[in-house]
Amino acid sequence: MAQAHFTPETWFRAVYDGNELVGFVMLYDPTLAEAPEEHEFFLWRLMIDQRFQARGFGRATVGLLSEHLRRRTGARRLMVSHVKHAERLGRFYSSLGFGYTGREEDGELEMALELC
């Protein structure tokens, strides 16, 4: 949360099921930066409380985020990365349409979802 408040290009939202908080999503949005260092949207955080995992909240959150970005000017791809040995995360993002880019940075594998 602190990172979100001190980084102007951060877009973030709480994830609720009715009135119950179930998670948090945070996105790097280059359109919010005066002079962006990166020009692609990047899913920085997707955190679903352990009590609510495997119930579709992560999938629904990424789906809503993708729709939000599709309506935005200039949003062509959504990027995400995961640590190399987190095959489960790779399978999760792949099931949502993300594909590996072949790039790796700091031990994390990069994936992209084409929005258009």
PDB file of N, CA and C in Angstrom:
ATOM      1  N   MET A   1       0.819  -1.184   0.000  1.00  0.00           N
ATOM      2  CA  MET A   1       0.000   0.000   0.000  1.00  0.00           C
ATOM      3  C   MET A   1       0.868   1.254   0.000  1.00  0.00           C
ATOM      4  N   ALA A   2       1.950   1.237   0.744  1.00  0.00           N
ATOM      5  CA  ALA A   2       2.815   2.412   0.794  1.00  0.00           C
ATOM      6  C   ALA A   2       3.380   2.709  -0.595  1.00  0.00           C
ATOM      7  N   GLN A   3       3.800   1.681  -1.304  1.00  0.00           N
ATOM      8  CA  GLN A   3       4.329   1.860  -2.652  1.00  0.00           C
ATOM      9  C   GLN A   3       3.283   2.534  -3.539  1.00  0.00           C
ATOM     10  N   ALA A   4       2.038   2.139  -3.402  1.00  0.00           N
ATOM     11  CA  ALA A   4       0.963   2.698  -4.219  1.00  0.00           C
ATOM     12  C   ALA A   4       0.779   4.190  -3.967  1.00  0.00           C
ATOM     13  N   HIS A   5       0.964   4.611  -2.742  1.00  0.00           N
ATOM     14  CA  HIS A   5       0.763   6.022  -2.405  1.00  0.00           C
ATOM     15  C   HIS A   5       1.929   6.910  -2.811  1.00  0.00           C
ATOM     16  N   PHE A   6       3.094   6.341  -3.020  1.00  0.00           N
ATOM     17  CA  PHE A   6       4.271   7.148  -3.337  1.00  0.00           C
ATOM     18  C   PHE A   6       4.750   6.984  -4.779  1.00  0.00           C
ATOM     19  N   THR A   7       4.016   6.239  -5.566  1.00  0.00           N
ATOM     20  CA  THR A   7       4.360   6.048  -6.965  1.00  0.00           C
ATOM     21  C   THR A   7       3.184   6.556  -7.787  1.00  0.00           C
ATOM     22  N   PRO A   8       3.326   7.709  -8.439  1.00  0.00           N
ATOM     23  CA  PRO A   8       2.179   8.329  -9.109  1.00  0.00           C
ATOM     24  C   PRO A   8       1.569   7.500 -10.235  1.00  0.00           C
ATOM     25  N   GLU A   9       2.335   6.600 -10.829  1.00  0.00           N
ATOM     26  CA  GLU A   9       1.801   5.803 -11.933  1.00  0.00           C
ATOM     27  C   GLU A   9       1.151   4.497 -11.463  1.00  0.00           C
ATOM     28  N   THR A  10       0.802   4.438 -10.207  1.00  0.00           N
ATOM     29  CA  THR A  10       0.171   3.256  -9.638  1.00  0.00           C
ATOM     30  C   THR A  10      -1.347   3.405  -9.605  1.00  0.00           C
ATOM     31  N   TRP A  11      -2.025   2.397 -10.111  1.00  0.00           N
ATOM     32  CA  TRP A  11      -3.489   2.296 -10.048  1.00  0.00           C
ATOM     33  C   TRP A  11      -3.761   1.080  -9.182  1.00  0.00           C
ATOM     34  N   PHE A  12      -4.572   1.230  -8.143  1.00  0.00           N
ATOM     35  CA  PHE A  12      -4.820   0.100  -7.257  1.00  0.00           C
ATOM     36  C   PHE A  12      -6.256   0.106  -6.765  1.00  0.00           C
ATOM     37  N   ARG A  13      -6.736  -1.100  -6.456  1.00  0.00           N
ATOM     38  CA  ARG A  13      -8.102  -1.278  -5.975  1.00  0.00           C
ATOM     39  C   ARG A  13      -8.146  -2.445  -4.994  1.00  0.00           C
ATOM     40  N   ALA A  14      -9.070  -2.353  -4.065  1.00  0.00           N
ATOM     41  CA  ALA A  14      -9.381  -3.483  -3.194  1.00  0.00           C
ATOM     42  C   ALA A  14     -10.312  -4.418  -3.965  1.00  0.00           C
ATOM     43  N   VAL A  15     -10.280  -5.684  -3.622  1.00  0.00           N
ATOM     44  CA  VAL A  15     -11.151  -6.680  -4.244  1.00  0.00           C
ATOM     45  C   VAL A  15     -12.126  -7.151  -3.169  1.00  0.00           C
ATOM     46  N   TYR A  16     -13.407  -7.010  -3.459  1.00  0.00           N
ATOM     47  CA  TYR A  16     -14.449  -7.372  -2.498  1.00  0.00           C
ATOM     48  C   TYR A  16     -15.361  -8.447  -3.051  1.00  0.00           C
ATOM     49  N   ASP A  17     -15.901  -9.243  -2.146  1.00  0.00           N
ATOM     50  CA  ASP A  17     -17.016 -10.136  -2.425  1.00  0.00           C
ATOM     51  C   ASP A  17     -18.159  -9.595  -1.583  1.00  0.00           C
ATOM     52  N   GLY A  18     -19.036  -8.832  -2.208  1.00  0.00           N
ATOM     53  CA  GLY A  18     -20.071  -8.137  -1.437  1.00  0.00           C
ATOM     54  C   GLY A  18     -19.401  -7.092  -0.562  1.00  0.00           C
ATOM     55  N   ASN A  19     -19.567  -7.220   0.734  1.00  0.00           N
ATOM     56  CA  ASN A  19     -18.943  -6.291   1.677  1.00  0.00           C
ATOM     57  C   ASN A  19     -17.656  -6.829   2.289  1.00  0.00           C
ATOM     58  N   GLU A  20     -17.250  -8.018   1.863  1.00  0.00           N
ATOM     59  CA  GLU A  20     -16.080  -8.655   2.457  1.00  0.00           C
ATOM     60  C   GLU A  20     -14.834  -8.444   1.590  1.00  0.00           C
ATOM     61  N   LEU A  21     -13.783  -7.903   2.205  1.00  0.00           N
ATOM     62  CA  LEU A  21     -12.516  -7.701   1.517  1.00  0.00           C
ATOM     63  C   LEU A  21     -11.847  -9.052   1.294  1.00  0.00           C
ATOM     64  N   VAL A  22     -11.526  -9.348   0.018  1.00  0.00           N
ATOM     65  CA  VAL A  22     -10.899 -10.637  -0.287  1.00  0.00           C
ATOM     66  C   VAL A  22      -9.508 -10.482  -0.891  1.00  0.00           C
ATOM     67  N   GLY A  23      -9.154  -9.260  -1.347  1.00  0.00           N
ATOM     68  CA  GLY A  23      -7.842  -9.109  -1.955  1.00  0.00           C
ATOM     69  C   GLY A  23      -7.519  -7.695  -2.366  1.00  0.00           C
ATOM     70  N   PHE A  24      -6.474  -7.604  -3.185  1.00  0.00           N
ATOM     71  CA  PHE A  24      -5.904  -6.321  -3.589  1.00  0.00           C
ATOM     72  C   PHE A  24      -5.265  -6.500  -4.958  1.00  0.00           C
ATOM     73  N   VAL A  25      -5.418  -5.510  -5.828  1.00  0.00           N
ATOM     74  CA  VAL A  25      -4.771  -5.532  -7.139  1.00  0.00           C
ATOM     75  C   VAL A  25      -4.081  -4.191  -7.344  1.00  0.00           C
ATOM     76  N   MET A  26      -2.872  -4.233  -7.921  1.00  0.00           N
ATOM     77  CA  MET A  26      -2.106  -3.015  -8.156  1.00  0.00           C
ATOM     78  C   MET A  26      -1.462  -3.088  -9.531  1.00  0.00           C
ATOM     79  N   LEU A  27      -1.591  -2.018 -10.280  1.00  0.00           N
ATOM     80  CA  LEU A  27      -1.175  -1.958 -11.666  1.00  0.00           C
ATOM     81  C   LEU A  27      -0.247  -0.773 -11.889  1.00  0.00           C
ATOM     82  N   TYR A  28       0.799  -0.990 -12.680  1.00  0.00           N
ATOM     83  CA  TYR A  28       1.606   0.122 -13.187  1.00  0.00           C
ATOM     84  C   TYR A  28       0.873   0.639 -14.414  1.00  0.00           C
ATOM     85  N   ASP A  29       0.496   1.916 -14.389  1.00  0.00           N
ATOM     86  CA  ASP A  29      -0.248   2.547 -15.477  1.00  0.00           C
ATOM     87  C   ASP A  29       0.585   3.694 -16.030  1.00  0.00           C
ATOM     88  N   PRO A  30       1.232   3.502 -17.191  1.00  0.00           N
ATOM     89  CA  PRO A  30       2.113   4.543 -17.721  1.00  0.00           C
ATOM     90  C   PRO A  30       1.394   5.837 -18.075  1.00  0.00           C
ATOM     91  N   THR A  31       0.067   5.778 -18.247  1.00  0.00           N
ATOM     92  CA  THR A  31      -0.667   7.006 -18.575  1.00  0.00           C
ATOM     93  C   THR A  31      -0.789   7.932 -17.378  1.00  0.00           C
ATOM     94  N   LEU A  32      -0.466   7.446 -16.187  1.00  0.00           N
ATOM     95  CA  LEU A  32      -0.534   8.272 -14.982  1.00  0.00           C
ATOM     96  C   LEU A  32       0.784   8.971 -14.677  1.00  0.00           C
ATOM     97  N   ALA A  33       1.837   8.640 -15.428  1.00  0.00           N
ATOM     98  CA  ALA A  33       3.166   9.211 -15.206  1.00  0.00           C
ATOM     99  C   ALA A  33       3.402  10.357 -16.174  1.00  0.00           C
ATOM    100  N   GLU A  34       4.034  11.398 -15.692  1.00  0.00           N
ATOM    101  CA  GLU A  34       4.356  12.533 -16.550  1.00  0.00           C
ATOM    102  C   GLU A  34       5.331  12.133 -17.649  1.00  0.00           C
ATOM    103  N   ALA A  35       6.365  11.399 -17.265  1.00  0.00           N
ATOM    104  CA  ALA A  35       7.363  10.903 -18.220  1.00  0.00           C
ATOM    105  C   ALA A  35       7.631   9.442 -17.870  1.00  0.00           C
ATOM    106  N   PRO A  36       6.799   8.526 -18.362  1.00  0.00           N
ATOM    107  CA  PRO A  36       6.931   7.112 -17.954  1.00  0.00           C
ATOM    108  C   PRO A  36       8.243   6.487 -18.409  1.00  0.00           C
ATOM    109  N   GLU A  37       8.834   5.715 -17.497  1.00  0.00           N
ATOM    110  CA  GLU A  37      10.044   4.960 -17.838  1.00  0.00           C
ATOM    111  C   GLU A  37       9.675   3.736 -18.662  1.00  0.00           C
ATOM    112  N   GLU A  38       8.540   3.155 -18.368  1.00  0.00           N
ATOM    113  CA  GLU A  38       8.020   1.999 -19.100  1.00  0.00           C
ATOM    114  C   GLU A  38       6.730   2.436 -19.775  1.00  0.00           C
ATOM    115  N   HIS A  39       6.424   1.852 -20.916  1.00  0.00           N
ATOM    116  CA  HIS A  39       5.235   2.269 -21.647  1.00  0.00           C
ATOM    117  C   HIS A  39       4.165   1.188 -21.736  1.00  0.00           C
ATOM    118  N   GLU A  40       4.317   0.137 -20.953  1.00  0.00           N
ATOM    119  CA  GLU A  40       3.341  -0.933 -20.955  1.00  0.00           C
ATOM    120  C   GLU A  40       2.695  -1.045 -19.578  1.00  0.00           C
ATOM    121  N   PHE A  41       1.447  -1.450 -19.575  1.00  0.00           N
ATOM    122  CA  PHE A  41       0.733  -1.688 -18.323  1.00  0.00           C
ATOM    123  C   PHE A  41       1.288  -2.976 -17.714  1.00  0.00           C
ATOM    124  N   PHE A  42       1.483  -2.974 -16.404  1.00  0.00           N
ATOM    125  CA  PHE A  42       2.100  -4.119 -15.744  1.00  0.00           C
ATOM    126  C   PHE A  42       1.334  -4.435 -14.465  1.00  0.00           C
ATOM    127  N   LEU A  43       0.894  -5.668 -14.341  1.00  0.00           N
ATOM    128  CA  LEU A  43       0.216  -6.122 -13.130  1.00  0.00           C
ATOM    129  C   LEU A  43       1.277  -6.334 -12.058  1.00  0.00           C
ATOM    130  N   TRP A  44       1.381  -5.356 -11.154  1.00  0.00           N
ATOM    131  CA  TRP A  44       2.404  -5.416 -10.110  1.00  0.00           C
ATOM    132  C   TRP A  44       2.013  -6.356  -8.973  1.00  0.00           C
ATOM    133  N   ARG A  45       0.758  -6.318  -8.570  1.00  0.00           N
ATOM    134  CA  ARG A  45       0.317  -7.137  -7.428  1.00  0.00           C
ATOM    135  C   ARG A  45      -1.073  -7.689  -7.696  1.00  0.00           C
ATOM    136  N   LEU A  46      -1.246  -8.940  -7.426  1.00  0.00           N
ATOM    137  CA  LEU A  46      -2.556  -9.575  -7.363  1.00  0.00           C
ATOM    138  C   LEU A  46      -2.506 -10.432  -6.110  1.00  0.00           C
ATOM    139  N   MET A  47      -3.164  -9.972  -5.091  1.00  0.00           N
ATOM    140  CA  MET A  47      -3.115 -10.673  -3.803  1.00  0.00           C
ATOM    141  C   MET A  47      -4.540 -11.016  -3.372  1.00  0.00           C
ATOM    142  N   ILE A  48      -4.806 -12.294  -3.256  1.00  0.00           N
ATOM    143  CA  ILE A  48      -6.094 -12.775  -2.781  1.00  0.00           C
ATOM    144  C   ILE A  48      -5.845 -13.481  -1.452  1.00  0.00           C
ATOM    145  N   ASP A  49      -6.594 -13.088  -0.434  1.00  0.00           N
ATOM    146  CA  ASP A  49      -6.466 -13.685   0.894  1.00  0.00           C
ATOM    147  C   ASP A  49      -6.546 -15.209   0.777  1.00  0.00           C
ATOM    148  N   GLN A  50      -5.703 -15.880   1.496  1.00  0.00           N
ATOM    149  CA  GLN A  50      -5.627 -17.341   1.424  1.00  0.00           C
ATOM    150  C   GLN A  50      -6.986 -17.999   1.642  1.00  0.00           C
ATOM    151  N   ARG A  51      -7.813 -17.413   2.495  1.00  0.00           N
ATOM    152  CA  ARG A  51      -9.142 -17.990   2.765  1.00  0.00           C
ATOM    153  C   ARG A  51     -10.045 -17.973   1.531  1.00  0.00           C
ATOM    154  N   PHE A  52      -9.716 -17.129   0.554  1.00  0.00           N
ATOM    155  CA  PHE A  52     -10.571 -16.964  -0.620  1.00  0.00           C
ATOM    156  C   PHE A  52      -9.925 -17.469  -1.909  1.00  0.00           C
ATOM    157  N   GLN A  53      -8.747 -18.049  -1.804  1.00  0.00           N
ATOM    158  CA  GLN A  53      -8.072 -18.552  -2.995  1.00  0.00           C
ATOM    159  C   GLN A  53      -8.777 -19.793  -3.532  1.00  0.00           C
ATOM    160  N   ALA A  54      -8.592 -20.029  -4.833  1.00  0.00           N
ATOM    161  CA  ALA A  54      -9.194 -21.167  -5.542  1.00  0.00           C
ATOM    162  C   ALA A  54     -10.715 -21.078  -5.576  1.00  0.00           C
ATOM    163  N   ARG A  55     -11.234 -19.831  -5.508  1.00  0.00           N
ATOM    164  CA  ARG A  55     -12.686 -19.624  -5.579  1.00  0.00           C
ATOM    165  C   ARG A  55     -13.047 -18.681  -6.732  1.00  0.00           C
ATOM    166  N   GLY A  56     -12.065 -18.384  -7.596  1.00  0.00           N
ATOM    167  CA  GLY A  56     -12.357 -17.589  -8.783  1.00  0.00           C
ATOM    168  C   GLY A  56     -12.143 -16.098  -8.650  1.00  0.00           C
ATOM    169  N   PHE A  57     -11.733 -15.630  -7.477  1.00  0.00           N
ATOM    170  CA  PHE A  57     -11.561 -14.191  -7.285  1.00  0.00           C
ATOM    171  C   PHE A  57     -10.381 -13.632  -8.077  1.00  0.00           C
ATOM    172  N   GLY A  58      -9.282 -14.355  -8.141  1.00  0.00           N
ATOM    173  CA  GLY A  58      -8.129 -13.901  -8.920  1.00  0.00           C
ATOM    174  C   GLY A  58      -8.471 -13.838 -10.397  1.00  0.00           C
ATOM    175  N   ARG A  59      -9.111 -14.870 -10.887  1.00  0.00           N
ATOM    176  CA  ARG A  59      -9.528 -14.938 -12.295  1.00  0.00           C
ATOM    177  C   ARG A  59     -10.481 -13.781 -12.613  1.00  0.00           C
ATOM    178  N   ALA A  60     -11.474 -13.556 -11.755  1.00  0.00           N
ATOM    179  CA  ALA A  60     -12.436 -12.472 -11.978  1.00  0.00           C
ATOM    180  C   ALA A  60     -11.749 -11.112 -11.930  1.00  0.00           C
ATOM    181  N   THR A  61     -10.809 -10.947 -11.013  1.00  0.00           N
ATOM    182  CA  THR A  61     -10.104  -9.676 -10.884  1.00  0.00           C
ATOM    183  C   THR A  61      -9.296  -9.367 -12.132  1.00  0.00           C
ATOM    184  N   VAL A  62      -8.558 -10.345 -12.631  1.00  0.00           N
ATOM    185  CA  VAL A  62      -7.766 -10.125 -13.845  1.00  0.00           C
ATOM    186  C   VAL A  62      -8.695  -9.877 -15.036  1.00  0.00           C
ATOM    187  N   GLY A  63      -9.831 -10.561 -15.078  1.00  0.00           N
ATOM    188  CA  GLY A  63     -10.797 -10.338 -16.144  1.00  0.00           C
ATOM    189  C   GLY A  63     -11.343  -8.914 -16.131  1.00  0.00           C
ATOM    190  N   LEU A  64     -11.712  -8.424 -14.959  1.00  0.00           N
ATOM    191  CA  LEU A  64     -12.215  -7.053 -14.845  1.00  0.00           C
ATOM    192  C   LEU A  64     -11.125  -6.043 -15.167  1.00  0.00           C
ATOM    193  N   LEU A  65      -9.912  -6.313 -14.709  1.00  0.00           N
ATOM    194  CA  LEU A  65      -8.791  -5.427 -15.004  1.00  0.00           C
ATOM    195  C   LEU A  65      -8.535  -5.374 -16.507  1.00  0.00           C
ATOM    196  N   SER A  66      -8.573  -6.509 -17.174  1.00  0.00           N
ATOM    197  CA  SER A  66      -8.369  -6.564 -18.625  1.00  0.00           C
ATOM    198  C   SER A  66      -9.437  -5.763 -19.358  1.00  0.00           C
ATOM    199  N   GLU A  67     -10.685  -5.906 -18.932  1.00  0.00           N
ATOM    200  CA  GLU A  67     -11.768  -5.138 -19.560  1.00  0.00           C
ATOM    201  C   GLU A  67     -11.583  -3.644 -19.334  1.00  0.00           C
ATOM    202  N   HIS A  68     -11.179  -3.265 -18.139  1.00  0.00           N
ATOM    203  CA  HIS A  68     -10.898  -1.858 -17.831  1.00  0.00           C
ATOM    204  C   HIS A  68      -9.823  -1.321 -18.775  1.00  0.00           C
ATOM    205  N   LEU A  69      -8.771  -2.085 -18.976  1.00  0.00           N
ATOM    206  CA  LEU A  69      -7.672  -1.636 -19.835  1.00  0.00           C
ATOM    207  C   LEU A  69      -8.060  -1.611 -21.302  1.00  0.00           C
ATOM    208  N   ARG A  70      -8.887  -2.547 -21.736  1.00  0.00           N
ATOM    209  CA  ARG A  70      -9.329  -2.569 -23.138  1.00  0.00           C
ATOM    210  C   ARG A  70     -10.088  -1.291 -23.497  1.00  0.00           C
ATOM    211  N   ARG A  71     -10.758  -0.713 -22.522  1.00  0.00           N
ATOM    212  CA  ARG A  71     -11.501   0.523 -22.759  1.00  0.00           C
ATOM    213  C   ARG A  71     -10.611   1.760 -22.718  1.00  0.00           C
ATOM    214  N   ARG A  72      -9.366   1.600 -22.300  1.00  0.00           N
ATOM    215  CA  ARG A  72      -8.443   2.722 -22.168  1.00  0.00           C
ATOM    216  C   ARG A  72      -7.674   2.939 -23.456  1.00  0.00           C
ATOM    217  N   THR A  73      -7.426   4.183 -23.790  1.00  0.00           N
ATOM    218  CA  THR A  73      -6.628   4.519 -24.963  1.00  0.00           C
ATOM    219  C   THR A  73      -5.184   4.078 -24.738  1.00  0.00           C
ATOM    220  N   GLY A  74      -4.625   3.405 -25.713  1.00  0.00           N
ATOM    221  CA  GLY A  74      -3.221   3.032 -25.654  1.00  0.00           C
ATOM    222  C   GLY A  74      -2.914   1.729 -24.947  1.00  0.00           C
ATOM    223  N   ALA A  75      -3.897   1.097 -24.348  1.00  0.00           N
ATOM    224  CA  ALA A  75      -3.642  -0.156 -23.640  1.00  0.00           C
ATOM    225  C   ALA A  75      -3.704  -1.309 -24.637  1.00  0.00           C
ATOM    226  N   ARG A  76      -2.537  -1.805 -25.024  1.00  0.00           N
ATOM    227  CA  ARG A  76      -2.477  -2.910 -25.986  1.00  0.00           C
ATOM    228  C   ARG A  76      -2.110  -4.235 -25.342  1.00  0.00           C
ATOM    229  N   ARG A  77      -1.302  -4.165 -24.269  1.00  0.00           N
ATOM    230  CA  ARG A  77      -0.854  -5.387 -23.587  1.00  0.00           C
ATOM    231  C   ARG A  77      -0.841  -5.166 -22.093  1.00  0.00           C
ATOM    232  N   LEU A  78      -1.081  -6.237 -21.377  1.00  0.00           N
ATOM    233  CA  LEU A  78      -0.923  -6.258 -19.936  1.00  0.00           C
ATOM    234  C   LEU A  78       0.196  -7.235 -19.635  1.00  0.00           C
ATOM    235  N   MET A  79       1.176  -6.773 -18.909  1.00  0.00           N
ATOM    236  CA  MET A  79       2.330  -7.591 -18.567  1.00  0.00           C
ATOM    237  C   MET A  79       2.217  -8.079 -17.117  1.00  0.00           C
ATOM    238  N   VAL A  80       2.855  -9.196 -16.838  1.00  0.00           N
ATOM    239  CA  VAL A  80       2.959  -9.725 -15.486  1.00  0.00           C
ATOM    240  C   VAL A  80       4.233 -10.563 -15.441  1.00  0.00           C
ATOM    241  N   SER A  81       4.745 -10.812 -14.262  1.00  0.00           N
ATOM    242  CA  SER A  81       5.889 -11.716 -14.130  1.00  0.00           C
ATOM    243  C   SER A  81       5.705 -12.557 -12.878  1.00  0.00           C
ATOM    244  N   HIS A  82       6.420 -13.661 -12.856  1.00  0.00           N
ATOM    245  CA  HIS A  82       6.401 -14.516 -11.668  1.00  0.00           C
ATOM    246  C   HIS A  82       7.773 -15.151 -11.508  1.00  0.00           C
ATOM    247  N   VAL A  83       8.080 -15.536 -10.273  1.00  0.00           N
ATOM    248  CA  VAL A  83       9.368 -16.171 -10.025  1.00  0.00           C
ATOM    249  C   VAL A  83       9.455 -17.457 -10.819  1.00  0.00           C
ATOM    250  N   LYS A  84      10.657 -17.767 -11.216  1.00  0.00           N
ATOM    251  CA  LYS A  84      10.931 -18.876 -12.132  1.00  0.00           C
ATOM    252  C   LYS A  84      10.297 -20.199 -11.704  1.00  0.00           C
ATOM    253  N   HIS A  85      10.370 -20.498 -10.438  1.00  0.00           N
ATOM    254  CA  HIS A  85       9.945 -21.815  -9.970  1.00  0.00           C
ATOM    255  C   HIS A  85       8.485 -21.857  -9.520  1.00  0.00           C
ATOM    256  N   ALA A  86       7.711 -20.825  -9.835  1.00  0.00           N
ATOM    257  CA  ALA A  86       6.296 -20.798  -9.458  1.00  0.00           C
ATOM    258  C   ALA A  86       5.448 -21.260 -10.641  1.00  0.00           C
ATOM    259  N   GLU A  87       5.574 -22.554 -10.960  1.00  0.00           N
ATOM    260  CA  GLU A  87       4.860 -23.104 -12.106  1.00  0.00           C
ATOM    261  C   GLU A  87       3.357 -22.924 -11.978  1.00  0.00           C
ATOM    262  N   ARG A  88       2.851 -22.992 -10.759  1.00  0.00           N
ATOM    263  CA  ARG A  88       1.410 -22.828 -10.543  1.00  0.00           C
ATOM    264  C   ARG A  88       0.940 -21.447 -11.006  1.00  0.00           C
ATOM    265  N   LEU A  89       1.726 -20.418 -10.709  1.00  0.00           N
ATOM    266  CA  LEU A  89       1.375 -19.074 -11.179  1.00  0.00           C
ATOM    267  C   LEU A  89       1.432 -19.000 -12.698  1.00  0.00           C
ATOM    268  N   GLY A  90       2.426 -19.613 -13.273  1.00  0.00           N
ATOM    269  CA  GLY A  90       2.526 -19.647 -14.728  1.00  0.00           C
ATOM    270  C   GLY A  90       1.306 -20.291 -15.356  1.00  0.00           C
ATOM    271  N   ARG A  91       0.852 -21.402 -14.787  1.00  0.00           N
ATOM    272  CA  ARG A  91      -0.342 -22.078 -15.303  1.00  0.00           C
ATOM    273  C   ARG A  91      -1.585 -21.208 -15.128  1.00  0.00           C
ATOM    274  N   PHE A  92      -1.676 -20.523 -13.976  1.00  0.00           N
ATOM    275  CA  PHE A  92      -2.814 -19.637 -13.726  1.00  0.00           C
ATOM    276  C   PHE A  92      -2.874 -18.535 -14.780  1.00  0.00           C
ATOM    277  N   TYR A  93      -1.764 -17.831 -14.969  1.00  0.00           N
ATOM    278  CA  TYR A  93      -1.764 -16.732 -15.944  1.00  0.00           C
ATOM    279  C   TYR A  93      -1.941 -17.250 -17.371  1.00  0.00           C
ATOM    280  N   SER A  94      -1.376 -18.393 -17.681  1.00  0.00           N
ATOM    281  CA  SER A  94      -1.569 -18.985 -19.012  1.00  0.00           C
ATOM    282  C   SER A  94      -3.041 -19.283 -19.265  1.00  0.00           C
ATOM    283  N   SER A  95      -3.734 -19.750 -18.240  1.00  0.00           N
ATOM    284  CA  SER A  95      -5.160 -20.075 -18.396  1.00  0.00           C
ATOM    285  C   SER A  95      -5.997 -18.821 -18.650  1.00  0.00           C
ATOM    286  N   LEU A  96      -5.448 -17.656 -18.353  1.00  0.00           N
ATOM    287  CA  LEU A  96      -6.143 -16.382 -18.592  1.00  0.00           C
ATOM    288  C   LEU A  96      -5.760 -15.768 -19.935  1.00  0.00           C
ATOM    289  N   GLY A  97      -4.876 -16.438 -20.665  1.00  0.00           N
ATOM    290  CA  GLY A  97      -4.477 -15.937 -21.981  1.00  0.00           C
ATOM    291  C   GLY A  97      -3.109 -15.295 -22.042  1.00  0.00           C
ATOM    292  N   PHE A  98      -2.401 -15.229 -20.924  1.00  0.00           N
ATOM    293  CA  PHE A  98      -1.044 -14.691 -20.921  1.00  0.00           C
ATOM    294  C   PHE A  98      -0.109 -15.702 -21.566  1.00  0.00           C
ATOM    295  N   GLY A  99       0.912 -15.204 -22.236  1.00  0.00           N
ATOM    296  CA  GLY A  99       1.934 -16.063 -22.817  1.00  0.00           C
ATOM    297  C   GLY A  99       3.311 -15.550 -22.439  1.00  0.00           C
ATOM    298  N   TYR A 100       4.260 -16.449 -22.355  1.00  0.00           N
ATOM    299  CA  TYR A 100       5.628 -16.063 -22.005  1.00  0.00           C
ATOM    300  C   TYR A 100       6.253 -15.247 -23.133  1.00  0.00           C
ATOM    301  N   THR A 101       6.981 -14.212 -22.754  1.00  0.00           N
ATOM    302  CA  THR A 101       7.644 -13.346 -23.736  1.00  0.00           C
ATOM    303  C   THR A 101       9.056 -13.816 -24.051  1.00  0.00           C
ATOM    304  N   GLY A 102       9.607 -14.681 -23.206  1.00  0.00           N
ATOM    305  CA  GLY A 102      10.988 -15.122 -23.367  1.00  0.00           C
ATOM    306  C   GLY A 102      11.964 -14.257 -22.587  1.00  0.00           C
ATOM    307  N   ARG A 103      11.442 -13.203 -21.970  1.00  0.00           N
ATOM    308  CA  ARG A 103      12.317 -12.331 -21.164  1.00  0.00           C
ATOM    309  C   ARG A 103      12.278 -12.759 -19.705  1.00  0.00           C
ATOM    310  N   GLU A 104      13.433 -12.605 -19.071  1.00  0.00           N
ATOM    311  CA  GLU A 104      13.579 -12.901 -17.651  1.00  0.00           C
ATOM    312  C   GLU A 104      14.352 -11.759 -17.012  1.00  0.00           C
ATOM    313  N   GLU A 105      13.872 -11.315 -15.849  1.00  0.00           N
ATOM    314  CA  GLU A 105      14.571 -10.250 -15.135  1.00  0.00           C
ATOM    315  C   GLU A 105      14.535 -10.548 -13.643  1.00  0.00           C
ATOM    316  N   ASP A 106      15.692 -10.506 -13.022  1.00  0.00           N
ATOM    317  CA  ASP A 106      15.820 -10.761 -11.586  1.00  0.00           C
ATOM    318  C   ASP A 106      15.155 -12.070 -11.161  1.00  0.00           C
ATOM    319  N   GLY A 107      15.308 -13.110 -11.970  1.00  0.00           N
ATOM    320  CA  GLY A 107      14.757 -14.418 -11.637  1.00  0.00           C
ATOM    321  C   GLY A 107      13.257 -14.541 -11.875  1.00  0.00           C
ATOM    322  N   GLU A 108      12.649 -13.552 -12.530  1.00  0.00           N
ATOM    323  CA  GLU A 108      11.222 -13.604 -12.819  1.00  0.00           C
ATOM    324  C   GLU A 108      10.987 -13.733 -14.317  1.00  0.00           C
ATOM    325  N   LEU A 109      10.048 -14.589 -14.674  1.00  0.00           N
ATOM    326  CA  LEU A 109       9.685 -14.810 -16.065  1.00  0.00           C
ATOM    327  C   LEU A 109       8.538 -13.870 -16.434  1.00  0.00           C
ATOM    328  N   GLU A 110       8.686 -13.195 -17.557  1.00  0.00           N
ATOM    329  CA  GLU A 110       7.699 -12.217 -17.986  1.00  0.00           C
ATOM    330  C   GLU A 110       6.649 -12.851 -18.890  1.00  0.00           C
ATOM    331  N   MET A 111       5.399 -12.429 -18.697  1.00  0.00           N
ATOM    332  CA  MET A 111       4.290 -12.893 -19.508  1.00  0.00           C
ATOM    333  C   MET A 111       3.500 -11.682 -20.002  1.00  0.00           C
ATOM    334  N   ALA A 112       2.787 -11.864 -21.110  1.00  0.00           N
ATOM    335  CA  ALA A 112       2.009 -10.769 -21.687  1.00  0.00           C
ATOM    336  C   ALA A 112       0.633 -11.275 -22.103  1.00  0.00           C
ATOM    337  N   LEU A 113      -0.354 -10.404 -21.947  1.00  0.00           N
ATOM    338  CA  LEU A 113      -1.712 -10.654 -22.415  1.00  0.00           C
ATOM    339  C   LEU A 113      -2.041  -9.575 -23.434  1.00  0.00           C
ATOM    340  N   GLU A 114      -2.311  -9.987 -24.670  1.00  0.00           N
ATOM    341  CA  GLU A 114      -2.685  -9.027 -25.712  1.00  0.00           C
ATOM    342  C   GLU A 114      -4.117  -8.582 -25.456  1.00  0.00           C
ATOM    343  N   LEU A 115      -4.333  -7.272 -25.416  1.00  0.00           N
ATOM    344  CA  LEU A 115      -5.641  -6.721 -25.089  1.00  0.00           C
ATOM    345  C   LEU A 115      -6.460  -6.340 -26.309  1.00  0.00           C
ATOM    346  N   CYS A 116      -5.809  -6.220 -27.474  1.00  0.00           N
ATOM    347  CA  CYS A 116      -6.588  -5.836 -28.667  1.00  0.00           C
ATOM    348  C   CYS A 116      -6.570  -6.928 -29.703  1.00  0.00           C
TER     349      CYS A 116
END
